[in-house]
Amino acid sequence: MSAIVLGAVCVVLLNLYAATLVLLRSRVYGVTLYRPMITNIGLSFAPVLVVVVFGLGLALLTPLLDVTAELHTNIAAALLWLYLIAATGVWLLFFPNSVYLITELNFSHRAETTPVPLWYDIVQTLALTLSGIANAVLSLGGMQTVFIVILNDPDADVITPSSWMFAGIVIVLGAIGVYLGRYLRFNSWDVRHPASMARKLGAHLGQRGKALEAGGFVLTHALLIALLYVPLYALAWSALAAPSR
């Protein structure tokens, strides 16, 4: 457990480090602060906060569910499922904001003539990207663990195949969300207008070569996150399950 706590602390520190580098870039080199990066760091960390709130809410809800179960088991089960679906839905809306930071590696913030050394922008942008990936891994890991404990077996000492399927679906959806955000400029809150989103997406994919480009984008990004996430979560699970063995 201590290794997991240390990992979570390092994720928070990585976010702070990335934000500090963005702020120092403006202060040290006298250039305009690139505010979208600061905004994106906050949005990237949002899925982690959602998981924390989700966990706290579940802990507060458990006693109520226990009392309800004594009166009517079906009602308690329905309340639990309603909470799980709602919380997961909210989290899914924010999850792509984490992996979105991969696209910051295009250095779009860097002008042709700038006093900022290239080495600084490389470290700053890499820290920004890694903070997003770390946020994605941490939040998805938390959700997959909840999936295993609640929907499978609280005493499970192995990672269930269904939870891996859940993680895989989320990773693919996250890659799709990144594409929609980068190329169609959709935000999480745009789901309030699904008809408008569908029209824009249809028009975009109807252009020559765009559907193939979107497929390649989603495939390569999803594979990258999966190759990073799977071993990290397996190691975290081993640390989490070790005391019970």
C-alpha atoms as a PDB file:
ATOM      1  CA  MET A   1       0.000   0.000   0.000  1.00  0.00           C
ATOM      2  CA  SER A   2       2.865   2.392   0.791  1.00  0.00           C
ATOM      3  CA  ALA A   3       4.142   2.007  -2.777  1.00  0.00           C
ATOM      4  CA  ILE A   4       0.711   2.995  -4.131  1.00  0.00           C
ATOM      5  CA  VAL A   5       0.532   6.045  -1.862  1.00  0.00           C
ATOM      6  CA  LEU A   6       4.030   7.046  -2.962  1.00  0.00           C
ATOM      7  CA  GLY A   7       2.983   6.685  -6.591  1.00  0.00           C
ATOM      8  CA  ALA A   8      -0.092   8.874  -6.043  1.00  0.00           C
ATOM      9  CA  VAL A   9       2.027  11.541  -4.334  1.00  0.00           C
ATOM     10  CA  CYS A  10       4.482  11.485  -7.239  1.00  0.00           C
ATOM     11  CA  VAL A  11       1.606  11.998  -9.697  1.00  0.00           C
ATOM     12  CA  VAL A  12       0.502  15.095  -7.771  1.00  0.00           C
ATOM     13  CA  LEU A  13       4.076  16.384  -7.669  1.00  0.00           C
ATOM     14  CA  LEU A  14       4.457  15.792 -11.409  1.00  0.00           C
ATOM     15  CA  ASN A  15       1.399  17.968 -12.051  1.00  0.00           C
ATOM     16  CA  LEU A  16       2.806  20.703  -9.817  1.00  0.00           C
ATOM     17  CA  TYR A  17       6.195  20.440 -11.514  1.00  0.00           C
ATOM     18  CA  ALA A  18       4.629  20.802 -14.977  1.00  0.00           C
ATOM     19  CA  ALA A  19       2.597  23.829 -13.858  1.00  0.00           C
ATOM     20  CA  THR A  20       5.678  25.401 -12.254  1.00  0.00           C
ATOM     21  CA  LEU A  21       7.693  25.030 -15.460  1.00  0.00           C
ATOM     22  CA  VAL A  22       4.916  26.680 -17.465  1.00  0.00           C
ATOM     23  CA  LEU A  23       4.793  29.620 -15.040  1.00  0.00           C
ATOM     24  CA  LEU A  24       8.594  29.960 -14.844  1.00  0.00           C
ATOM     25  CA  ARG A  25       8.842  30.014 -18.644  1.00  0.00           C
ATOM     26  CA  SER A  26       6.952  33.292 -18.650  1.00  0.00           C
ATOM     27  CA  ARG A  27       8.763  34.759 -15.649  1.00  0.00           C
ATOM     28  CA  VAL A  28      12.330  33.789 -16.513  1.00  0.00           C
ATOM     29  CA  TYR A  29      12.294  34.430 -20.256  1.00  0.00           C
ATOM     30  CA  GLY A  30       9.831  37.336 -20.352  1.00  0.00           C
ATOM     31  CA  VAL A  31       7.376  35.715 -22.755  1.00  0.00           C
ATOM     32  CA  THR A  32       3.586  35.650 -22.612  1.00  0.00           C
ATOM     33  CA  LEU A  33       2.185  33.031 -20.276  1.00  0.00           C
ATOM     34  CA  TYR A  34       0.658  30.205 -22.322  1.00  0.00           C
ATOM     35  CA  ARG A  35      -2.533  29.925 -20.288  1.00  0.00           C
ATOM     36  CA  PRO A  36      -4.047  26.960 -22.173  1.00  0.00           C
ATOM     37  CA  MET A  37      -1.334  24.750 -20.683  1.00  0.00           C
ATOM     38  CA  ILE A  38      -2.299  25.729 -17.136  1.00  0.00           C
ATOM     39  CA  THR A  39      -5.960  25.127 -17.964  1.00  0.00           C
ATOM     40  CA  ASN A  40      -5.142  21.751 -19.493  1.00  0.00           C
ATOM     41  CA  ILE A  41      -3.202  20.667 -16.403  1.00  0.00           C
ATOM     42  CA  GLY A  42      -6.259  21.393 -14.265  1.00  0.00           C
ATOM     43  CA  LEU A  43      -8.578  19.558 -16.669  1.00  0.00           C
ATOM     44  CA  SER A  44      -6.125  16.679 -16.837  1.00  0.00           C
ATOM     45  CA  PHE A  45      -6.142  16.253 -13.069  1.00  0.00           C
ATOM     46  CA  ALA A  46      -9.954  16.449 -12.916  1.00  0.00           C
ATOM     47  CA  PRO A  47     -10.467  12.679 -13.495  1.00  0.00           C
ATOM     48  CA  VAL A  48      -8.288  11.959 -10.451  1.00  0.00           C
ATOM     49  CA  LEU A  49     -10.416  14.287  -8.325  1.00  0.00           C
ATOM     50  CA  VAL A  50     -13.591  12.673  -9.671  1.00  0.00           C
ATOM     51  CA  VAL A  51     -12.316   9.240  -8.588  1.00  0.00           C
ATOM     52  CA  VAL A  52     -11.511  10.586  -5.104  1.00  0.00           C
ATOM     53  CA  VAL A  53     -14.980  12.149  -4.770  1.00  0.00           C
ATOM     54  CA  PHE A  54     -16.508   8.967  -6.180  1.00  0.00           C
ATOM     55  CA  GLY A  55     -14.711   6.876  -3.545  1.00  0.00           C
ATOM     56  CA  LEU A  56     -15.702   9.188  -0.697  1.00  0.00           C
ATOM     57  CA  GLY A  57     -19.289   9.202  -1.882  1.00  0.00           C
ATOM     58  CA  LEU A  58     -19.319   5.434  -2.045  1.00  0.00           C
ATOM     59  CA  ALA A  59     -17.959   5.223   1.501  1.00  0.00           C
ATOM     60  CA  LEU A  60     -20.685   7.579   2.753  1.00  0.00           C
ATOM     61  CA  LEU A  61     -23.350   5.728   0.796  1.00  0.00           C
ATOM     62  CA  THR A  62     -22.418   2.260   2.078  1.00  0.00           C
ATOM     63  CA  PRO A  63     -24.082   2.564   5.527  1.00  0.00           C
ATOM     64  CA  LEU A  64     -27.292   3.783   3.871  1.00  0.00           C
ATOM     65  CA  LEU A  65     -27.181   0.877   1.434  1.00  0.00           C
ATOM     66  CA  ASP A  66     -26.670  -1.571   4.310  1.00  0.00           C
ATOM     67  CA  VAL A  67     -29.757  -0.239   6.105  1.00  0.00           C
ATOM     68  CA  THR A  68     -31.774  -0.262   2.883  1.00  0.00           C
ATOM     69  CA  ALA A  69     -30.672  -3.823   2.116  1.00  0.00           C
ATOM     70  CA  GLU A  70     -32.174  -5.005   5.408  1.00  0.00           C
ATOM     71  CA  LEU A  71     -35.533  -3.626   4.298  1.00  0.00           C
ATOM     72  CA  HIS A  72     -35.391  -4.347   0.575  1.00  0.00           C
ATOM     73  CA  THR A  73     -32.403  -5.889  -1.195  1.00  0.00           C
ATOM     74  CA  ASN A  74     -33.502  -4.904  -4.704  1.00  0.00           C
ATOM     75  CA  ILE A  75     -33.803  -1.218  -3.798  1.00  0.00           C
ATOM     76  CA  ALA A  76     -30.313  -1.214  -2.292  1.00  0.00           C
ATOM     77  CA  ALA A  77     -28.891  -2.882  -5.391  1.00  0.00           C
ATOM     78  CA  ALA A  78     -30.674  -0.404  -7.650  1.00  0.00           C
ATOM     79  CA  LEU A  79     -29.319   2.557  -5.672  1.00  0.00           C
ATOM     80  CA  LEU A  80     -25.792   1.147  -5.874  1.00  0.00           C
ATOM     81  CA  TRP A  81     -26.015   0.616  -9.626  1.00  0.00           C
ATOM     82  CA  LEU A  82     -27.477   4.075 -10.143  1.00  0.00           C
ATOM     83  CA  TYR A  83     -24.602   5.628  -8.230  1.00  0.00           C
ATOM     84  CA  LEU A  84     -21.965   3.540 -10.040  1.00  0.00           C
ATOM     85  CA  ILE A  85     -23.357   4.358 -13.484  1.00  0.00           C
ATOM     86  CA  ALA A  86     -23.684   8.091 -12.752  1.00  0.00           C
ATOM     87  CA  ALA A  87     -20.201   8.371 -11.216  1.00  0.00           C
ATOM     88  CA  THR A  88     -18.595   6.362 -14.011  1.00  0.00           C
ATOM     89  CA  GLY A  89     -20.369   8.475 -16.629  1.00  0.00           C
ATOM     90  CA  VAL A  90     -19.080  11.726 -15.107  1.00  0.00           C
ATOM     91  CA  TRP A  91     -15.574  10.303 -14.864  1.00  0.00           C
ATOM     92  CA  LEU A  92     -15.618   9.133 -18.486  1.00  0.00           C
ATOM     93  CA  LEU A  93     -16.466  12.651 -19.643  1.00  0.00           C
ATOM     94  CA  PHE A  94     -13.315  13.996 -17.991  1.00  0.00           C
ATOM     95  CA  PHE A  95     -10.949  11.067 -18.650  1.00  0.00           C
ATOM     96  CA  PRO A  96      -9.887  12.133 -22.189  1.00  0.00           C
ATOM     97  CA  ASN A  97      -8.608  15.419 -20.727  1.00  0.00           C
ATOM     98  CA  SER A  98      -5.714  13.486 -19.189  1.00  0.00           C
ATOM     99  CA  VAL A  99      -4.471  11.669 -22.281  1.00  0.00           C
ATOM    100  CA  TYR A 100      -5.147  14.804 -24.338  1.00  0.00           C
ATOM    101  CA  LEU A 101      -1.870  16.247 -23.063  1.00  0.00           C
ATOM    102  CA  ILE A 102      -0.005  13.849 -25.361  1.00  0.00           C
ATOM    103  CA  THR A 103      -0.939  16.201 -28.193  1.00  0.00           C
ATOM    104  CA  GLU A 104       0.932  19.077 -26.533  1.00  0.00           C
ATOM    105  CA  LEU A 105       4.118  17.505 -27.914  1.00  0.00           C
ATOM    106  CA  ASN A 106       3.453  19.399 -31.160  1.00  0.00           C
ATOM    107  CA  PHE A 107       5.081  22.475 -29.518  1.00  0.00           C
ATOM    108  CA  SER A 108       2.320  24.710 -30.877  1.00  0.00           C
ATOM    109  CA  HIS A 109       3.080  27.184 -28.072  1.00  0.00           C
ATOM    110  CA  ARG A 110       6.610  27.823 -29.339  1.00  0.00           C
ATOM    111  CA  ALA A 111       7.098  30.797 -31.670  1.00  0.00           C
ATOM    112  CA  GLU A 112       9.683  30.773 -34.462  1.00  0.00           C
ATOM    113  CA  THR A 113      11.604  33.554 -32.752  1.00  0.00           C
ATOM    114  CA  THR A 114      11.655  33.132 -28.988  1.00  0.00           C
ATOM    115  CA  PRO A 115      14.209  33.664 -26.226  1.00  0.00           C
ATOM    116  CA  VAL A 116      13.146  30.368 -24.635  1.00  0.00           C
ATOM    117  CA  PRO A 117      15.821  27.690 -25.188  1.00  0.00           C
ATOM    118  CA  LEU A 118      14.657  24.555 -26.960  1.00  0.00           C
ATOM    119  CA  TRP A 119      15.875  22.350 -24.092  1.00  0.00           C
ATOM    120  CA  TYR A 120      13.565  24.167 -21.676  1.00  0.00           C
ATOM    121  CA  ASP A 121      10.510  23.733 -23.883  1.00  0.00           C
ATOM    122  CA  ILE A 122      11.356  20.060 -24.362  1.00  0.00           C
ATOM    123  CA  VAL A 123      11.488  19.426 -20.597  1.00  0.00           C
ATOM    124  CA  GLN A 124       8.423  21.586 -19.919  1.00  0.00           C
ATOM    125  CA  THR A 125       6.280  19.939 -22.600  1.00  0.00           C
ATOM    126  CA  LEU A 126       7.485  16.453 -21.722  1.00  0.00           C
ATOM    127  CA  ALA A 127       6.627  17.047 -18.054  1.00  0.00           C
ATOM    128  CA  LEU A 128       3.208  18.287 -19.130  1.00  0.00           C
ATOM    129  CA  THR A 129       2.597  15.207 -21.271  1.00  0.00           C
ATOM    130  CA  LEU A 130       3.821  12.793 -18.604  1.00  0.00           C
ATOM    131  CA  SER A 131       1.596  14.446 -15.998  1.00  0.00           C
ATOM    132  CA  GLY A 132      -1.407  13.790 -18.233  1.00  0.00           C
ATOM    133  CA  ILE A 133      -0.450  10.148 -18.754  1.00  0.00           C
ATOM    134  CA  ALA A 134       0.143   9.752 -15.007  1.00  0.00           C
ATOM    135  CA  ASN A 135      -3.285  11.240 -14.253  1.00  0.00           C
ATOM    136  CA  ALA A 136      -4.878   8.849 -16.738  1.00  0.00           C
ATOM    137  CA  VAL A 137      -3.123   5.823 -15.238  1.00  0.00           C
ATOM    138  CA  LEU A 138      -3.958   6.812 -11.659  1.00  0.00           C
ATOM    139  CA  SER A 139      -7.630   7.557 -12.286  1.00  0.00           C
ATOM    140  CA  LEU A 140      -8.205   4.513 -14.501  1.00  0.00           C
ATOM    141  CA  GLY A 141      -6.405   2.331 -11.972  1.00  0.00           C
ATOM    142  CA  GLY A 142      -8.732   3.558  -9.255  1.00  0.00           C
ATOM    143  CA  MET A 143     -11.805   2.856 -11.370  1.00  0.00           C
ATOM    144  CA  GLN A 144     -10.599  -0.601 -12.385  1.00  0.00           C
ATOM    145  CA  THR A 145      -9.994  -1.474  -8.738  1.00  0.00           C
ATOM    146  CA  VAL A 146     -13.527  -0.379  -7.833  1.00  0.00           C
ATOM    147  CA  PHE A 147     -14.778  -2.488 -10.742  1.00  0.00           C
ATOM    148  CA  ILE A 148     -13.002  -5.572  -9.373  1.00  0.00           C
ATOM    149  CA  VAL A 149     -14.040  -5.066  -5.754  1.00  0.00           C
ATOM    150  CA  ILE A 150     -17.704  -4.211  -6.316  1.00  0.00           C
ATOM    151  CA  LEU A 151     -18.638  -6.109  -9.461  1.00  0.00           C
ATOM    152  CA  ASN A 152     -16.489  -9.187  -8.947  1.00  0.00           C
ATOM    153  CA  ASP A 153     -15.044 -10.268  -5.603  1.00  0.00           C
ATOM    154  CA  PRO A 154     -13.990  -7.985  -2.717  1.00  0.00           C
ATOM    155  CA  ASP A 155     -11.381 -10.592  -1.735  1.00  0.00           C
ATOM    156  CA  ALA A 156     -10.090 -11.192  -5.259  1.00  0.00           C
ATOM    157  CA  ASP A 157      -6.314 -11.615  -5.415  1.00  0.00           C
ATOM    158  CA  VAL A 158      -6.122 -11.593  -9.227  1.00  0.00           C
ATOM    159  CA  ILE A 159      -7.038  -8.998 -11.827  1.00  0.00           C
ATOM    160  CA  THR A 160     -10.236 -10.234 -13.437  1.00  0.00           C
ATOM    161  CA  PRO A 161     -10.515 -10.437 -17.263  1.00  0.00           C
ATOM    162  CA  SER A 162     -13.725  -8.379 -17.190  1.00  0.00           C
ATOM    163  CA  SER A 163     -11.895  -5.527 -15.471  1.00  0.00           C
ATOM    164  CA  TRP A 164      -9.208  -5.611 -18.175  1.00  0.00           C
ATOM    165  CA  MET A 165     -12.002  -5.401 -20.741  1.00  0.00           C
ATOM    166  CA  PHE A 166     -13.392  -2.377 -18.889  1.00  0.00           C
ATOM    167  CA  ALA A 167      -9.962  -0.718 -18.894  1.00  0.00           C
ATOM    168  CA  GLY A 168      -9.488  -1.458 -22.605  1.00  0.00           C
ATOM    169  CA  ILE A 169     -12.829   0.083 -23.535  1.00  0.00           C
ATOM    170  CA  VAL A 170     -12.042   3.185 -21.488  1.00  0.00           C
ATOM    171  CA  ILE A 171      -8.624   3.564 -23.125  1.00  0.00           C
ATOM    172  CA  VAL A 172     -10.165   3.388 -26.611  1.00  0.00           C
ATOM    173  CA  LEU A 173     -12.888   5.870 -25.636  1.00  0.00           C
ATOM    174  CA  GLY A 174     -10.189   8.133 -24.214  1.00  0.00           C
ATOM    175  CA  ALA A 175      -8.282   8.061 -27.516  1.00  0.00           C
ATOM    176  CA  ILE A 176     -11.496   8.872 -29.386  1.00  0.00           C
ATOM    177  CA  GLY A 177     -12.083  11.771 -26.987  1.00  0.00           C
ATOM    178  CA  VAL A 178      -8.576  13.100 -27.633  1.00  0.00           C
ATOM    179  CA  TYR A 179      -9.183  13.042 -31.392  1.00  0.00           C
ATOM    180  CA  LEU A 180     -12.498  14.854 -30.985  1.00  0.00           C
ATOM    181  CA  GLY A 181     -10.859  17.438 -28.756  1.00  0.00           C
ATOM    182  CA  ARG A 182      -7.811  18.060 -30.911  1.00  0.00           C
ATOM    183  CA  TYR A 183      -9.347  18.039 -34.385  1.00  0.00           C
ATOM    184  CA  LEU A 184     -12.973  19.017 -33.809  1.00  0.00           C
ATOM    185  CA  ARG A 185     -12.305  21.147 -30.695  1.00  0.00           C
ATOM    186  CA  PHE A 186     -14.979  19.382 -28.649  1.00  0.00           C
ATOM    187  CA  ASN A 187     -14.958  19.761 -24.863  1.00  0.00           C
ATOM    188  CA  SER A 188     -16.373  17.446 -22.183  1.00  0.00           C
ATOM    189  CA  TRP A 189     -19.373  19.739 -21.655  1.00  0.00           C
ATOM    190  CA  ASP A 190     -20.306  19.630 -25.362  1.00  0.00           C
ATOM    191  CA  VAL A 191     -22.200  16.391 -24.657  1.00  0.00           C
ATOM    192  CA  ARG A 192     -25.068  18.700 -23.729  1.00  0.00           C
ATOM    193  CA  HIS A 193     -25.549  19.157 -27.494  1.00  0.00           C
ATOM    194  CA  PRO A 194     -25.308  15.625 -28.940  1.00  0.00           C
ATOM    195  CA  ALA A 195     -27.108  16.482 -32.186  1.00  0.00           C
ATOM    196  CA  SER A 196     -24.671  19.289 -32.970  1.00  0.00           C
ATOM    197  CA  MET A 197     -21.712  17.025 -32.132  1.00  0.00           C
ATOM    198  CA  ALA A 198     -23.042  14.290 -34.406  1.00  0.00           C
ATOM    199  CA  ARG A 199     -23.449  16.731 -37.317  1.00  0.00           C
ATOM    200  CA  LYS A 200     -19.942  18.111 -36.946  1.00  0.00           C
ATOM    201  CA  LEU A 201     -18.451  14.644 -36.601  1.00  0.00           C
ATOM    202  CA  GLY A 202     -20.340  13.372 -39.660  1.00  0.00           C
ATOM    203  CA  ALA A 203     -19.184  16.321 -41.744  1.00  0.00           C
ATOM    204  CA  HIS A 204     -15.593  15.860 -40.573  1.00  0.00           C
ATOM    205  CA  LEU A 205     -15.411  12.114 -41.241  1.00  0.00           C
ATOM    206  CA  GLY A 206     -17.102  12.644 -44.605  1.00  0.00           C
ATOM    207  CA  GLN A 207     -14.024  14.487 -45.863  1.00  0.00           C
ATOM    208  CA  ARG A 208     -11.601  12.467 -47.953  1.00  0.00           C
ATOM    209  CA  GLY A 209      -9.145  10.484 -45.828  1.00  0.00           C
ATOM    210  CA  LYS A 210     -10.437  11.759 -42.482  1.00  0.00           C
ATOM    211  CA  ALA A 211     -12.028   8.467 -41.395  1.00  0.00           C
ATOM    212  CA  LEU A 212      -8.755   6.610 -42.030  1.00  0.00           C
ATOM    213  CA  GLU A 213      -6.802   9.320 -40.212  1.00  0.00           C
ATOM    214  CA  ALA A 214      -9.161   9.100 -37.232  1.00  0.00           C
ATOM    215  CA  GLY A 215      -8.817   5.319 -37.102  1.00  0.00           C
ATOM    216  CA  GLY A 216      -5.028   5.529 -37.182  1.00  0.00           C
ATOM    217  CA  PHE A 217      -5.001   8.222 -34.505  1.00  0.00           C
ATOM    218  CA  VAL A 218      -7.238   6.260 -32.140  1.00  0.00           C
ATOM    219  CA  LEU A 219      -5.345   2.990 -32.696  1.00  0.00           C
ATOM    220  CA  THR A 220      -1.866   4.422 -32.111  1.00  0.00           C
ATOM    221  CA  HIS A 221      -2.864   6.500 -29.091  1.00  0.00           C
ATOM    222  CA  ALA A 222      -4.853   3.679 -27.484  1.00  0.00           C
ATOM    223  CA  LEU A 223      -1.975   1.226 -27.928  1.00  0.00           C
ATOM    224  CA  LEU A 224       0.483   3.699 -26.392  1.00  0.00           C
ATOM    225  CA  ILE A 225      -1.674   4.212 -23.281  1.00  0.00           C
ATOM    226  CA  ALA A 226      -2.378   0.483 -23.004  1.00  0.00           C
ATOM    227  CA  LEU A 227       1.313  -0.431 -23.183  1.00  0.00           C
ATOM    228  CA  LEU A 228       2.014   2.032 -20.367  1.00  0.00           C
ATOM    229  CA  TYR A 229      -1.055   1.277 -18.275  1.00  0.00           C
ATOM    230  CA  VAL A 230      -1.114  -2.533 -18.206  1.00  0.00           C
ATOM    231  CA  PRO A 231       2.292  -3.154 -16.567  1.00  0.00           C
ATOM    232  CA  LEU A 232       1.891  -0.213 -14.181  1.00  0.00           C
ATOM    233  CA  TYR A 233      -1.515  -1.395 -12.990  1.00  0.00           C
ATOM    234  CA  ALA A 234      -0.284  -4.981 -12.685  1.00  0.00           C
ATOM    235  CA  LEU A 235       2.556  -3.785 -10.444  1.00  0.00           C
ATOM    236  CA  ALA A 236       0.185  -1.622  -8.381  1.00  0.00           C
ATOM    237  CA  TRP A 237      -2.237  -4.526  -7.967  1.00  0.00           C
ATOM    238  CA  SER A 238       0.607  -6.770  -6.804  1.00  0.00           C
ATOM    239  CA  ALA A 239       1.518  -4.180  -4.162  1.00  0.00           C
ATOM    240  CA  LEU A 240      -2.128  -3.824  -3.133  1.00  0.00           C
ATOM    241  CA  ALA A 241      -2.801  -7.569  -2.948  1.00  0.00           C
ATOM    242  CA  ALA A 242       0.515  -8.507  -1.290  1.00  0.00           C
ATOM    243  CA  PRO A 243      -0.631  -7.979   2.358  1.00  0.00           C
ATOM    244  CA  SER A 244      -3.590 -10.339   1.875  1.00  0.00           C
ATOM    245  CA  ARG A 245      -1.478 -13.193   0.592  1.00  0.00           C
END
